Amino acid sequence: MKFTLTQFFKSQFTTLPESSTFLPDLSGRVVIVTGSNVGLGFECAKALSHRNPSRLILAVRNVEAGETAAREIVKANPPGAGVKTIPEVWKLDLGDLASVKAFGERAEKELDRLDIVVSNAGISTDVFKLTVDDFESTYQVNNISNSLLSVLLLPLLLRTADKPLPGSQSNFKPHLAVVASEMHHHISGKLPGYKEDASEVGKHFTEKERFRSFERYPESKAINVLNVQTLAKLAGDKVIVNSINPGFCHSELTRNSTGIIVYVIALMKALIARTTEAGSRNLSWAATQDMPSGSYVEDCHVSEPSDLLLSPEGQAAGQKIWDEMKSIWASRLGVKVDGVF
């Protein structure tokens, strides 16, 4: 689908349904929301908490901030609604592959089921910076670690699909919802692996010379959409995997931006941004509603990603990127995707 400026403004001013009108009873279910101490993740976790999941895990880099968020979520529960959910705070640093692996191992050890994962954590920065693993920070946080977490949690989601269904909903499938962005429409065609040899893909993850500040975030969101399509194929029909465009919202996403872009974003937010709570409704909707696996969600309905990502060239680039990430997970952590599912 081609995404025009008219569509962008129309989407921004579309009134989304209140979460209370579509969220199901989550009694007996286990939910993980990453990046849930602030912004979209916090608002999504708060809305899901109102539906009384048995466990709600806030996966955050800053545990102290997560504990504060957990207390705020409890305070926000509707009085007299019988909500018993007490959020748990688990450490997750997507800038550190070892932290992601440790989180996955903890989930395997401590959780007997996993019904919903909202993979929301991400960054946007216009400064080149390497992580402790020597990858460019945007690519590692938004893609390499984000998809690694999905790979580590997907087996538990699949096992949950075979368990008896708790609560009142009789046909609920486990969901893995990954936050992307409409910004994926605005890449220049230089997506890693696009019309280039597979051996070049890894260089995009590490080399400063390939860093283009205004394109790195859109590229990372395009990779999110492509990776979701691959994860959906791996998951089969037992788990619903999707990517989400929350729209342009008031959030903490651009806190690492510098220079004039800070003022441009501030002006745009003042004029057209959705509230954080309104944007989070897309996350809550994608994490709980029935739809074809691999879907791209925006404005609380299933839409289509960009024509580039649907093209043979885009799909080929996505496969090269996925193969490169599989190689990284295997060589750095011993995590092998083939045969896991």
C-alpha atoms as a PDB file:
ATOM      1  CA  MET A   1       0.000   0.000   0.000  1.00  0.00           C
ATOM      2  CA  LYS A   2       1.190   3.512  -0.793  1.00  0.00           C
ATOM      3  CA  PHE A   3       1.004   5.842   2.196  1.00  0.00           C
ATOM      4  CA  THR A   4       0.185   9.441   1.304  1.00  0.00           C
ATOM      5  CA  LEU A   5       0.300  12.614   3.360  1.00  0.00           C
ATOM      6  CA  THR A   6      -3.496  12.756   3.154  1.00  0.00           C
ATOM      7  CA  GLN A   7      -3.737   9.271   4.643  1.00  0.00           C
ATOM      8  CA  PHE A   8      -1.339  10.249   7.414  1.00  0.00           C
ATOM      9  CA  PHE A   9      -3.437  13.233   8.505  1.00  0.00           C
ATOM     10  CA  LYS A  10      -6.666  11.262   8.177  1.00  0.00           C
ATOM     11  CA  SER A  11      -5.215   8.535  10.377  1.00  0.00           C
ATOM     12  CA  GLN A  12      -3.950  11.000  12.970  1.00  0.00           C
ATOM     13  CA  PHE A  13      -7.418  12.447  13.440  1.00  0.00           C
ATOM     14  CA  THR A  14      -9.262   9.123  13.385  1.00  0.00           C
ATOM     15  CA  THR A  15     -11.011   8.458  16.695  1.00  0.00           C
ATOM     16  CA  LEU A  16     -10.058   4.994  17.907  1.00  0.00           C
ATOM     17  CA  PRO A  17     -12.400   2.833  20.004  1.00  0.00           C
ATOM     18  CA  GLU A  18     -11.898   2.918  23.761  1.00  0.00           C
ATOM     19  CA  SER A  19      -9.960  -0.107  25.004  1.00  0.00           C
ATOM     20  CA  SER A  20     -12.787  -0.942  27.392  1.00  0.00           C
ATOM     21  CA  THR A  21     -15.079  -1.603  24.416  1.00  0.00           C
ATOM     22  CA  PHE A  22     -13.000  -4.404  22.887  1.00  0.00           C
ATOM     23  CA  LEU A  23     -10.635  -5.866  25.497  1.00  0.00           C
ATOM     24  CA  PRO A  24     -11.685  -9.373  26.587  1.00  0.00           C
ATOM     25  CA  ASP A  25     -11.568 -10.796  30.092  1.00  0.00           C
ATOM     26  CA  LEU A  26      -7.947 -11.817  30.695  1.00  0.00           C
ATOM     27  CA  SER A  27      -8.512 -13.779  33.897  1.00  0.00           C
ATOM     28  CA  GLY A  28      -6.028 -16.636  34.155  1.00  0.00           C
ATOM     29  CA  ARG A  29      -3.830 -15.275  31.381  1.00  0.00           C
ATOM     30  CA  VAL A  30      -0.194 -14.197  31.474  1.00  0.00           C
ATOM     31  CA  VAL A  31       0.876 -10.981  29.734  1.00  0.00           C
ATOM     32  CA  ILE A  32       4.288  -9.421  29.000  1.00  0.00           C
ATOM     33  CA  VAL A  33       4.647  -5.812  27.825  1.00  0.00           C
ATOM     34  CA  THR A  34       8.145  -4.541  27.027  1.00  0.00           C
ATOM     35  CA  GLY A  35       9.125  -0.909  27.485  1.00  0.00           C
ATOM     36  CA  SER A  36       6.169  -0.550  29.830  1.00  0.00           C
ATOM     37  CA  ASN A  37       7.431   1.946  32.389  1.00  0.00           C
ATOM     38  CA  VAL A  38       6.550   4.934  30.154  1.00  0.00           C
ATOM     39  CA  GLY A  39       4.644   5.913  27.045  1.00  0.00           C
ATOM     40  CA  LEU A  40       2.700   3.533  24.849  1.00  0.00           C
ATOM     41  CA  GLY A  41       3.860   0.451  26.730  1.00  0.00           C
ATOM     42  CA  PHE A  42       2.748   1.865  30.067  1.00  0.00           C
ATOM     43  CA  GLU A  43      -0.685   2.848  28.747  1.00  0.00           C
ATOM     44  CA  CYS A  44      -1.135  -0.540  27.092  1.00  0.00           C
ATOM     45  CA  ALA A  45      -0.113  -2.382  30.277  1.00  0.00           C
ATOM     46  CA  LYS A  46      -2.523  -0.243  32.283  1.00  0.00           C
ATOM     47  CA  ALA A  47      -5.421  -1.056  29.939  1.00  0.00           C
ATOM     48  CA  LEU A  48      -4.635  -4.782  29.964  1.00  0.00           C
ATOM     49  CA  SER A  49      -4.376  -4.715  33.758  1.00  0.00           C
ATOM     50  CA  HIS A  50      -7.999  -3.570  33.949  1.00  0.00           C
ATOM     51  CA  ARG A  51      -9.003  -6.919  32.408  1.00  0.00           C
ATOM     52  CA  ASN A  52      -7.506  -8.828  35.353  1.00  0.00           C
ATOM     53  CA  PRO A  53      -4.718 -11.052  33.938  1.00  0.00           C
ATOM     54  CA  SER A  54      -3.277 -13.494  36.462  1.00  0.00           C
ATOM     55  CA  ARG A  55       0.216 -12.139  35.764  1.00  0.00           C
ATOM     56  CA  LEU A  56       1.243  -8.879  34.111  1.00  0.00           C
ATOM     57  CA  ILE A  57       4.983  -8.564  33.575  1.00  0.00           C
ATOM     58  CA  LEU A  58       6.511  -5.154  32.906  1.00  0.00           C
ATOM     59  CA  ALA A  59       9.731  -5.862  31.000  1.00  0.00           C
ATOM     60  CA  VAL A  60      11.907  -2.784  31.457  1.00  0.00           C
ATOM     61  CA  ARG A  61      15.524  -1.654  31.314  1.00  0.00           C
ATOM     62  CA  ASN A  62      15.213   0.512  34.442  1.00  0.00           C
ATOM     63  CA  VAL A  63      13.773  -1.628  37.236  1.00  0.00           C
ATOM     64  CA  GLU A  64      13.251   1.323  39.581  1.00  0.00           C
ATOM     65  CA  ALA A  65      11.194   3.132  36.939  1.00  0.00           C
ATOM     66  CA  GLY A  66       9.317  -0.104  36.347  1.00  0.00           C
ATOM     67  CA  GLU A  67       8.414  -0.374  40.025  1.00  0.00           C
ATOM     68  CA  THR A  68       7.051   3.171  39.925  1.00  0.00           C
ATOM     69  CA  ALA A  69       4.999   2.298  36.846  1.00  0.00           C
ATOM     70  CA  ALA A  70       3.655  -0.828  38.553  1.00  0.00           C
ATOM     71  CA  ARG A  71       2.401   1.237  41.482  1.00  0.00           C
ATOM     72  CA  GLU A  72       0.749   3.718  39.111  1.00  0.00           C
ATOM     73  CA  ILE A  73      -0.997   0.888  37.263  1.00  0.00           C
ATOM     74  CA  VAL A  74      -2.415  -0.493  40.510  1.00  0.00           C
ATOM     75  CA  LYS A  75      -3.655   2.986  41.475  1.00  0.00           C
ATOM     76  CA  ALA A  76      -5.368   3.338  38.091  1.00  0.00           C
ATOM     77  CA  ASN A  77      -7.421   0.147  38.408  1.00  0.00           C
ATOM     78  CA  PRO A  78     -11.139   1.011  38.485  1.00  0.00           C
ATOM     79  CA  PRO A  79     -12.456   0.973  42.077  1.00  0.00           C
ATOM     80  CA  GLY A  80     -14.880  -1.826  42.762  1.00  0.00           C
ATOM     81  CA  ALA A  81     -14.051  -3.643  39.519  1.00  0.00           C
ATOM     82  CA  GLY A  82     -12.491  -6.603  41.292  1.00  0.00           C
ATOM     83  CA  VAL A  83      -9.110  -6.225  39.587  1.00  0.00           C
ATOM     84  CA  LYS A  84      -6.518  -8.264  41.468  1.00  0.00           C
ATOM     85  CA  THR A  85      -3.578  -7.910  39.095  1.00  0.00           C
ATOM     86  CA  ILE A  86      -0.323  -6.791  40.725  1.00  0.00           C
ATOM     87  CA  PRO A  87       2.237  -6.056  37.988  1.00  0.00           C
ATOM     88  CA  GLU A  88       5.633  -7.720  38.217  1.00  0.00           C
ATOM     89  CA  VAL A  89       8.799  -5.951  37.068  1.00  0.00           C
ATOM     90  CA  TRP A  90      11.416  -7.943  35.171  1.00  0.00           C
ATOM     91  CA  LYS A  91      14.740  -6.608  33.917  1.00  0.00           C
ATOM     92  CA  LEU A  92      15.142  -6.466  30.130  1.00  0.00           C
ATOM     93  CA  ASP A  93      17.839  -4.455  28.356  1.00  0.00           C
ATOM     94  CA  LEU A  94      17.516  -4.770  24.588  1.00  0.00           C
ATOM     95  CA  GLY A  95      20.894  -3.080  24.244  1.00  0.00           C
ATOM     96  CA  ASP A  96      22.508  -6.205  25.710  1.00  0.00           C
ATOM     97  CA  LEU A  97      21.993  -9.586  24.045  1.00  0.00           C
ATOM     98  CA  ALA A  98      22.873 -11.404  27.266  1.00  0.00           C
ATOM     99  CA  SER A  99      20.029  -9.597  29.047  1.00  0.00           C
ATOM    100  CA  VAL A 100      17.565 -10.687  26.360  1.00  0.00           C
ATOM    101  CA  LYS A 101      18.674 -14.303  26.625  1.00  0.00           C
ATOM    102  CA  ALA A 102      18.435 -14.160  30.432  1.00  0.00           C
ATOM    103  CA  PHE A 103      14.891 -12.799  30.170  1.00  0.00           C
ATOM    104  CA  GLY A 104      13.876 -15.618  27.840  1.00  0.00           C
ATOM    105  CA  GLU A 105      15.394 -18.207  30.162  1.00  0.00           C
ATOM    106  CA  ARG A 106      13.572 -16.700  33.132  1.00  0.00           C
ATOM    107  CA  ALA A 107      10.271 -16.842  31.271  1.00  0.00           C
ATOM    108  CA  GLU A 108      10.845 -20.506  30.423  1.00  0.00           C
ATOM    109  CA  LYS A 109      11.659 -21.273  34.057  1.00  0.00           C
ATOM    110  CA  GLU A 110       9.000 -19.234  35.852  1.00  0.00           C
ATOM    111  CA  LEU A 111       5.973 -19.134  33.543  1.00  0.00           C
ATOM    112  CA  ASP A 112       3.684 -22.103  32.977  1.00  0.00           C
ATOM    113  CA  ARG A 113       1.881 -20.240  30.195  1.00  0.00           C
ATOM    114  CA  LEU A 114       2.194 -17.057  28.135  1.00  0.00           C
ATOM    115  CA  ASP A 115      -0.855 -15.628  26.385  1.00  0.00           C
ATOM    116  CA  ILE A 116       0.144 -12.141  25.239  1.00  0.00           C
ATOM    117  CA  VAL A 117       3.449 -10.465  24.400  1.00  0.00           C
ATOM    118  CA  VAL A 118       3.440  -6.803  23.408  1.00  0.00           C
ATOM    119  CA  SER A 119       6.924  -6.082  22.084  1.00  0.00           C
ATOM    120  CA  ASN A 120       6.853  -2.319  22.409  1.00  0.00           C
ATOM    121  CA  ALA A 121      10.335  -1.269  23.560  1.00  0.00           C
ATOM    122  CA  GLY A 122      12.340   0.649  20.986  1.00  0.00           C
ATOM    123  CA  ILE A 123      14.491   3.706  20.398  1.00  0.00           C
ATOM    124  CA  SER A 124      14.907   6.478  17.844  1.00  0.00           C
ATOM    125  CA  THR A 125      18.181   8.365  17.756  1.00  0.00           C
ATOM    126  CA  ASP A 126      20.046  10.489  15.250  1.00  0.00           C
ATOM    127  CA  VAL A 127      23.436   9.725  16.815  1.00  0.00           C
ATOM    128  CA  PHE A 128      25.552   6.715  15.869  1.00  0.00           C
ATOM    129  CA  LYS A 129      26.293   4.653  18.953  1.00  0.00           C
ATOM    130  CA  LEU A 130      27.436   1.085  19.459  1.00  0.00           C
ATOM    131  CA  THR A 131      25.949  -1.173  22.118  1.00  0.00           C
ATOM    132  CA  VAL A 132      27.927  -3.405  24.466  1.00  0.00           C
ATOM    133  CA  ASP A 133      27.623  -6.036  21.727  1.00  0.00           C
ATOM    134  CA  ASP A 134      29.177  -3.665  19.148  1.00  0.00           C
ATOM    135  CA  PHE A 135      26.046  -3.233  17.050  1.00  0.00           C
ATOM    136  CA  GLU A 136      24.517   0.110  16.083  1.00  0.00           C
ATOM    137  CA  SER A 137      22.047   0.860  18.857  1.00  0.00           C
ATOM    138  CA  THR A 138      18.876   1.373  16.784  1.00  0.00           C
ATOM    139  CA  TYR A 139      19.300  -1.863  14.879  1.00  0.00           C
ATOM    140  CA  GLN A 140      20.151  -3.861  17.981  1.00  0.00           C
ATOM    141  CA  VAL A 141      17.338  -2.557  20.189  1.00  0.00           C
ATOM    142  CA  ASN A 142      14.610  -2.406  17.538  1.00  0.00           C
ATOM    143  CA  ASN A 143      15.553  -5.462  15.499  1.00  0.00           C
ATOM    144  CA  ILE A 144      18.292  -7.863  16.593  1.00  0.00           C
ATOM    145  CA  SER A 145      17.231  -8.007  20.247  1.00  0.00           C
ATOM    146  CA  ASN A 146      13.540  -7.417  19.592  1.00  0.00           C
ATOM    147  CA  SER A 147      13.301 -10.402  17.261  1.00  0.00           C
ATOM    148  CA  LEU A 148      15.559 -12.491  19.497  1.00  0.00           C
ATOM    149  CA  LEU A 149      13.078 -11.960  22.316  1.00  0.00           C
ATOM    150  CA  SER A 150      10.261 -13.097  20.023  1.00  0.00           C
ATOM    151  CA  VAL A 151      12.216 -16.219  19.090  1.00  0.00           C
ATOM    152  CA  LEU A 152      12.866 -17.026  22.754  1.00  0.00           C
ATOM    153  CA  LEU A 153       9.242 -16.515  23.828  1.00  0.00           C
ATOM    154  CA  LEU A 154       7.510 -18.102  20.849  1.00  0.00           C
ATOM    155  CA  PRO A 155       7.915 -21.724  22.038  1.00  0.00           C
ATOM    156  CA  LEU A 156       6.124 -20.817  25.290  1.00  0.00           C
ATOM    157  CA  LEU A 157       3.355 -19.091  23.346  1.00  0.00           C
ATOM    158  CA  LEU A 158       2.993 -22.203  21.191  1.00  0.00           C
ATOM    159  CA  ARG A 159       2.784 -24.502  24.204  1.00  0.00           C
ATOM    160  CA  THR A 160       0.160 -22.220  25.723  1.00  0.00           C
ATOM    161  CA  ALA A 161      -1.957 -22.643  22.597  1.00  0.00           C
ATOM    162  CA  ASP A 162      -2.289 -26.340  23.476  1.00  0.00           C
ATOM    163  CA  LYS A 163      -3.385 -25.677  27.059  1.00  0.00           C
ATOM    164  CA  PRO A 164      -6.987 -25.320  28.274  1.00  0.00           C
ATOM    165  CA  LEU A 165      -8.334 -21.802  27.854  1.00  0.00           C
ATOM    166  CA  PRO A 166      -8.903 -19.869  31.092  1.00  0.00           C
ATOM    167  CA  GLY A 167     -11.504 -17.159  31.521  1.00  0.00           C
ATOM    168  CA  SER A 168     -14.664 -16.643  29.538  1.00  0.00           C
ATOM    169  CA  GLN A 169     -13.225 -16.462  26.016  1.00  0.00           C
ATOM    170  CA  SER A 170     -13.352 -19.836  24.301  1.00  0.00           C
ATOM    171  CA  ASN A 171     -11.390 -19.146  21.122  1.00  0.00           C
ATOM    172  CA  PHE A 172      -8.550 -16.855  22.193  1.00  0.00           C
ATOM    173  CA  LYS A 173      -5.172 -17.618  20.606  1.00  0.00           C
ATOM    174  CA  PRO A 174      -1.877 -16.443  22.129  1.00  0.00           C
ATOM    175  CA  HIS A 175      -0.707 -13.176  20.579  1.00  0.00           C
ATOM    176  CA  LEU A 176       2.727 -11.745  19.789  1.00  0.00           C
ATOM    177  CA  ALA A 177       2.277  -8.072  18.870  1.00  0.00           C
ATOM    178  CA  VAL A 178       5.315  -6.077  17.697  1.00  0.00           C
ATOM    179  CA  VAL A 179       5.232  -2.285  17.552  1.00  0.00           C
ATOM    180  CA  ALA A 180       6.314  -0.936  14.165  1.00  0.00           C
ATOM    181  CA  SER A 181       5.424   2.455  12.640  1.00  0.00           C
ATOM    182  CA  GLU A 182       3.988   4.140   9.575  1.00  0.00           C
ATOM    183  CA  MET A 183       7.536   5.473   9.193  1.00  0.00           C
ATOM    184  CA  HIS A 184       8.437   2.216   7.456  1.00  0.00           C
ATOM    185  CA  HIS A 185       6.758   3.701   4.363  1.00  0.00           C
ATOM    186  CA  HIS A 186       9.424   6.395   4.177  1.00  0.00           C
ATOM    187  CA  ILE A 187      12.589   4.433   3.507  1.00  0.00           C
ATOM    188  CA  SER A 188      14.559   5.243   0.371  1.00  0.00           C
ATOM    189  CA  GLY A 189      14.893   1.713  -0.941  1.00  0.00           C
ATOM    190  CA  LYS A 190      18.267   1.247   0.758  1.00  0.00           C
ATOM    191  CA  LEU A 191      16.954  -1.319   3.197  1.00  0.00           C
ATOM    192  CA  PRO A 192      19.775  -3.705   4.180  1.00  0.00           C
ATOM    193  CA  GLY A 193      19.796  -6.540   1.670  1.00  0.00           C
ATOM    194  CA  TYR A 194      17.751  -4.623  -0.898  1.00  0.00           C
ATOM    195  CA  LYS A 195      19.379  -5.369  -4.249  1.00  0.00           C
ATOM    196  CA  GLU A 196      22.706  -6.087  -2.565  1.00  0.00           C
ATOM    197  CA  ASP A 197      24.590  -9.238  -1.714  1.00  0.00           C
ATOM    198  CA  ALA A 198      23.712 -10.973   1.550  1.00  0.00           C
ATOM    199  CA  SER A 199      27.317 -10.551   2.709  1.00  0.00           C
ATOM    200  CA  GLU A 200      26.732  -6.790   2.902  1.00  0.00           C
ATOM    201  CA  VAL A 201      23.783  -6.970   5.300  1.00  0.00           C
ATOM    202  CA  GLY A 202      25.794  -7.358   8.492  1.00  0.00           C
ATOM    203  CA  LYS A 203      27.804  -4.233   7.702  1.00  0.00           C
ATOM    204  CA  HIS A 204      24.667  -2.119   8.130  1.00  0.00           C
ATOM    205  CA  PHE A 205      24.482  -3.303  11.744  1.00  0.00           C
ATOM    206  CA  THR A 206      27.999  -2.171  12.684  1.00  0.00           C
ATOM    207  CA  GLU A 207      29.543   0.396  10.325  1.00  0.00           C
ATOM    208  CA  LYS A 208      29.256   4.119  11.000  1.00  0.00           C
ATOM    209  CA  GLU A 209      29.691   4.883   7.300  1.00  0.00           C
ATOM    210  CA  ARG A 210      26.332   3.240   6.593  1.00  0.00           C
ATOM    211  CA  PHE A 211      24.493   5.177   9.298  1.00  0.00           C
ATOM    212  CA  ARG A 212      21.990   7.685   7.886  1.00  0.00           C
ATOM    213  CA  SER A 213      20.354   9.330  10.881  1.00  0.00           C
ATOM    214  CA  PHE A 214      17.018  10.213   9.273  1.00  0.00           C
ATOM    215  CA  GLU A 215      16.627   6.779   7.689  1.00  0.00           C
ATOM    216  CA  ARG A 216      17.783   4.420  10.413  1.00  0.00           C
ATOM    217  CA  TYR A 217      14.544   4.474  12.436  1.00  0.00           C
ATOM    218  CA  PRO A 218      12.253   3.971   9.388  1.00  0.00           C
ATOM    219  CA  GLU A 219      14.532   1.148   8.235  1.00  0.00           C
ATOM    220  CA  SER A 220      14.328  -0.509  11.640  1.00  0.00           C
ATOM    221  CA  LYS A 221      10.533  -0.315  11.594  1.00  0.00           C
ATOM    222  CA  ALA A 222      10.457  -1.855   8.106  1.00  0.00           C
ATOM    223  CA  ILE A 223      12.568  -4.706   9.455  1.00  0.00           C
ATOM    224  CA  ASN A 224      10.053  -5.141  12.298  1.00  0.00           C
ATOM    225  CA  VAL A 225       7.280  -5.664   9.748  1.00  0.00           C
ATOM    226  CA  LEU A 226       9.360  -8.094   7.686  1.00  0.00           C
ATOM    227  CA  ASN A 227      10.443 -10.070  10.744  1.00  0.00           C
ATOM    228  CA  VAL A 228       6.840 -10.385  11.904  1.00  0.00           C
ATOM    229  CA  GLN A 229       5.980 -11.994   8.569  1.00  0.00           C
ATOM    230  CA  THR A 230       8.751 -14.546   9.123  1.00  0.00           C
ATOM    231  CA  LEU A 231       7.748 -15.170  12.738  1.00  0.00           C
ATOM    232  CA  ALA A 232       4.153 -15.714  11.640  1.00  0.00           C
ATOM    233  CA  LYS A 233       5.287 -18.450   9.260  1.00  0.00           C
ATOM    234  CA  LEU A 234       7.314 -20.097  12.028  1.00  0.00           C
ATOM    235  CA  ALA A 235       4.403 -19.920  14.464  1.00  0.00           C
ATOM    236  CA  GLY A 236       1.877 -21.529  12.139  1.00  0.00           C
ATOM    237  CA  ASP A 237      -1.795 -21.180  12.997  1.00  0.00           C
ATOM    238  CA  LYS A 238      -1.543 -21.556  16.784  1.00  0.00           C
ATOM    239  CA  VAL A 239      -0.259 -18.046  17.588  1.00  0.00           C
ATOM    240  CA  ILE A 240      -1.311 -14.701  16.116  1.00  0.00           C
ATOM    241  CA  VAL A 241       1.769 -12.624  15.282  1.00  0.00           C
ATOM    242  CA  ASN A 242       1.315  -9.061  14.053  1.00  0.00           C
ATOM    243  CA  SER A 243       2.990  -5.679  13.673  1.00  0.00           C
ATOM    244  CA  ILE A 244       1.440  -2.404  14.783  1.00  0.00           C
ATOM    245  CA  ASN A 245       1.441   1.206  13.672  1.00  0.00           C
ATOM    246  CA  PRO A 246       0.363   3.199  16.755  1.00  0.00           C
ATOM    247  CA  GLY A 247       0.418   6.456  14.812  1.00  0.00           C
ATOM    248  CA  PHE A 248       2.339   9.601  15.686  1.00  0.00           C
ATOM    249  CA  CYS A 249       1.916   9.959  19.442  1.00  0.00           C
ATOM    250  CA  HIS A 250       3.143  11.795  22.478  1.00  0.00           C
ATOM    251  CA  SER A 251       5.740   9.362  23.827  1.00  0.00           C
ATOM    252  CA  GLU A 252       9.312   9.031  25.042  1.00  0.00           C
ATOM    253  CA  LEU A 253      10.519   7.466  21.784  1.00  0.00           C
ATOM    254  CA  THR A 254      12.505  10.485  20.564  1.00  0.00           C
ATOM    255  CA  ARG A 255      14.155  11.266  23.904  1.00  0.00           C
ATOM    256  CA  ASN A 256      17.554  10.462  22.340  1.00  0.00           C
ATOM    257  CA  SER A 257      17.126  12.918  19.461  1.00  0.00           C
ATOM    258  CA  THR A 258      19.339  16.006  19.188  1.00  0.00           C
ATOM    259  CA  GLY A 259      19.600  19.270  17.273  1.00  0.00           C
ATOM    260  CA  ILE A 260      16.837  20.803  15.195  1.00  0.00           C
ATOM    261  CA  ILE A 261      14.916  17.524  14.987  1.00  0.00           C
ATOM    262  CA  VAL A 262      13.953  18.024  18.651  1.00  0.00           C
ATOM    263  CA  TYR A 263      12.124  21.245  17.779  1.00  0.00           C
ATOM    264  CA  VAL A 264      10.543  19.811  14.633  1.00  0.00           C
ATOM    265  CA  ILE A 265       9.137  16.852  16.571  1.00  0.00           C
ATOM    266  CA  ALA A 266       7.921  19.113  19.385  1.00  0.00           C
ATOM    267  CA  LEU A 267       6.019  21.280  16.895  1.00  0.00           C
ATOM    268  CA  MET A 268       4.485  18.257  15.176  1.00  0.00           C
ATOM    269  CA  LYS A 269       3.417  16.811  18.514  1.00  0.00           C
ATOM    270  CA  ALA A 270       1.745  20.066  19.469  1.00  0.00           C
ATOM    271  CA  LEU A 271      -0.206  20.146  16.209  1.00  0.00           C
ATOM    272  CA  ILE A 272      -1.196  16.588  15.335  1.00  0.00           C
ATOM    273  CA  ALA A 273       0.061  13.974  17.799  1.00  0.00           C
ATOM    274  CA  ARG A 274      -2.303  11.486  19.371  1.00  0.00           C
ATOM    275  CA  THR A 275      -2.320  11.206  23.124  1.00  0.00           C
ATOM    276  CA  THR A 276      -0.215   8.340  24.388  1.00  0.00           C
ATOM    277  CA  GLU A 277      -3.328   6.582  25.657  1.00  0.00           C
ATOM    278  CA  ALA A 278      -5.081   6.876  22.287  1.00  0.00           C
ATOM    279  CA  GLY A 279      -2.077   5.461  20.441  1.00  0.00           C
ATOM    280  CA  SER A 280      -1.832   2.592  22.901  1.00  0.00           C
ATOM    281  CA  ARG A 281      -5.305   1.404  21.896  1.00  0.00           C
ATOM    282  CA  ASN A 282      -3.715   0.060  18.713  1.00  0.00           C
ATOM    283  CA  LEU A 283      -1.396  -2.058  20.867  1.00  0.00           C
ATOM    284  CA  SER A 284      -4.221  -3.367  23.046  1.00  0.00           C
ATOM    285  CA  TRP A 285      -6.345  -4.133  19.985  1.00  0.00           C
ATOM    286  CA  ALA A 286      -3.557  -5.967  18.159  1.00  0.00           C
ATOM    287  CA  ALA A 287      -2.714  -7.981  21.289  1.00  0.00           C
ATOM    288  CA  THR A 288      -6.227  -9.340  21.815  1.00  0.00           C
ATOM    289  CA  GLN A 289      -8.254  -9.440  18.602  1.00  0.00           C
ATOM    290  CA  ASP A 290      -8.613 -12.285  16.112  1.00  0.00           C
ATOM    291  CA  MET A 291      -6.960 -11.701  12.730  1.00  0.00           C
ATOM    292  CA  PRO A 292      -4.737 -13.488  10.212  1.00  0.00           C
ATOM    293  CA  SER A 293      -1.255 -14.039  11.589  1.00  0.00           C
ATOM    294  CA  GLY A 294       1.330 -11.759   9.992  1.00  0.00           C
ATOM    295  CA  SER A 295      -1.126  -8.845   9.806  1.00  0.00           C
ATOM    296  CA  TYR A 296      -0.152  -5.183   9.921  1.00  0.00           C
ATOM    297  CA  VAL A 297      -2.445  -3.215  12.248  1.00  0.00           C
ATOM    298  CA  GLU A 298      -3.241   0.501  12.286  1.00  0.00           C
ATOM    299  CA  ASP A 299      -6.224   2.517  13.530  1.00  0.00           C
ATOM    300  CA  CYS A 300      -7.535  -0.647  15.239  1.00  0.00           C
ATOM    301  CA  HIS A 301      -7.994  -2.591  12.022  1.00  0.00           C
ATOM    302  CA  VAL A 302      -5.936  -4.778   9.714  1.00  0.00           C
ATOM    303  CA  SER A 303      -4.220  -2.783   6.971  1.00  0.00           C
ATOM    304  CA  GLU A 304      -1.307  -3.330   4.571  1.00  0.00           C
ATOM    305  CA  PRO A 305       2.372  -2.434   4.868  1.00  0.00           C
ATOM    306  CA  SER A 306       4.260  -0.603   2.134  1.00  0.00           C
ATOM    307  CA  ASP A 307       4.445  -1.830  -1.432  1.00  0.00           C
ATOM    308  CA  LEU A 308       8.215  -2.120  -1.048  1.00  0.00           C
ATOM    309  CA  LEU A 309       7.911  -4.669   1.748  1.00  0.00           C
ATOM    310  CA  LEU A 310       5.336  -6.666  -0.211  1.00  0.00           C
ATOM    311  CA  SER A 311       7.468  -6.692  -3.375  1.00  0.00           C
ATOM    312  CA  PRO A 312       9.710  -9.655  -4.305  1.00  0.00           C
ATOM    313  CA  GLU A 313      12.749  -7.441  -3.723  1.00  0.00           C
ATOM    314  CA  GLY A 314      11.504  -6.400  -0.281  1.00  0.00           C
ATOM    315  CA  GLN A 315      10.737  -9.982   0.677  1.00  0.00           C
ATOM    316  CA  ALA A 316      14.189 -11.068  -0.488  1.00  0.00           C
ATOM    317  CA  ALA A 317      15.790  -8.323   1.599  1.00  0.00           C
ATOM    318  CA  GLY A 318      13.761  -9.462   4.595  1.00  0.00           C
ATOM    319  CA  GLN A 319      15.058 -13.015   4.217  1.00  0.00           C
ATOM    320  CA  LYS A 320      18.675 -11.793   4.028  1.00  0.00           C
ATOM    321  CA  ILE A 321      18.189  -9.692   7.170  1.00  0.00           C
ATOM    322  CA  TRP A 322      16.581 -12.601   9.024  1.00  0.00           C
ATOM    323  CA  ASP A 323      19.407 -14.937   8.016  1.00  0.00           C
ATOM    324  CA  GLU A 324      21.982 -12.413   9.245  1.00  0.00           C
ATOM    325  CA  MET A 325      20.233 -12.090  12.591  1.00  0.00           C
ATOM    326  CA  LYS A 326      19.988 -15.870  12.936  1.00  0.00           C
ATOM    327  CA  SER A 327      23.742 -16.011  12.402  1.00  0.00           C
ATOM    328  CA  ILE A 328      24.267 -13.381  15.123  1.00  0.00           C
ATOM    329  CA  TRP A 329      22.035 -15.204  17.626  1.00  0.00           C
ATOM    330  CA  ALA A 330      23.787 -18.509  16.938  1.00  0.00           C
ATOM    331  CA  SER A 331      27.356 -17.193  17.067  1.00  0.00           C
ATOM    332  CA  ARG A 332      26.935 -14.846  20.028  1.00  0.00           C
ATOM    333  CA  LEU A 333      24.488 -16.806  22.196  1.00  0.00           C
ATOM    334  CA  GLY A 334      24.180 -20.312  20.804  1.00  0.00           C
ATOM    335  CA  VAL A 335      20.517 -19.659  19.985  1.00  0.00           C
ATOM    336  CA  LYS A 336      19.536 -21.590  16.869  1.00  0.00           C
ATOM    337  CA  VAL A 337      16.173 -20.870  15.308  1.00  0.00           C
ATOM    338  CA  ASP A 338      15.898 -23.807  12.906  1.00  0.00           C
ATOM    339  CA  GLY A 339      14.162 -26.679  14.634  1.00  0.00           C
ATOM    340  CA  VAL A 340      13.100 -24.653  17.680  1.00  0.00           C
ATOM    341  CA  PHE A 341       9.445 -24.574  16.731  1.00  0.00           C
END
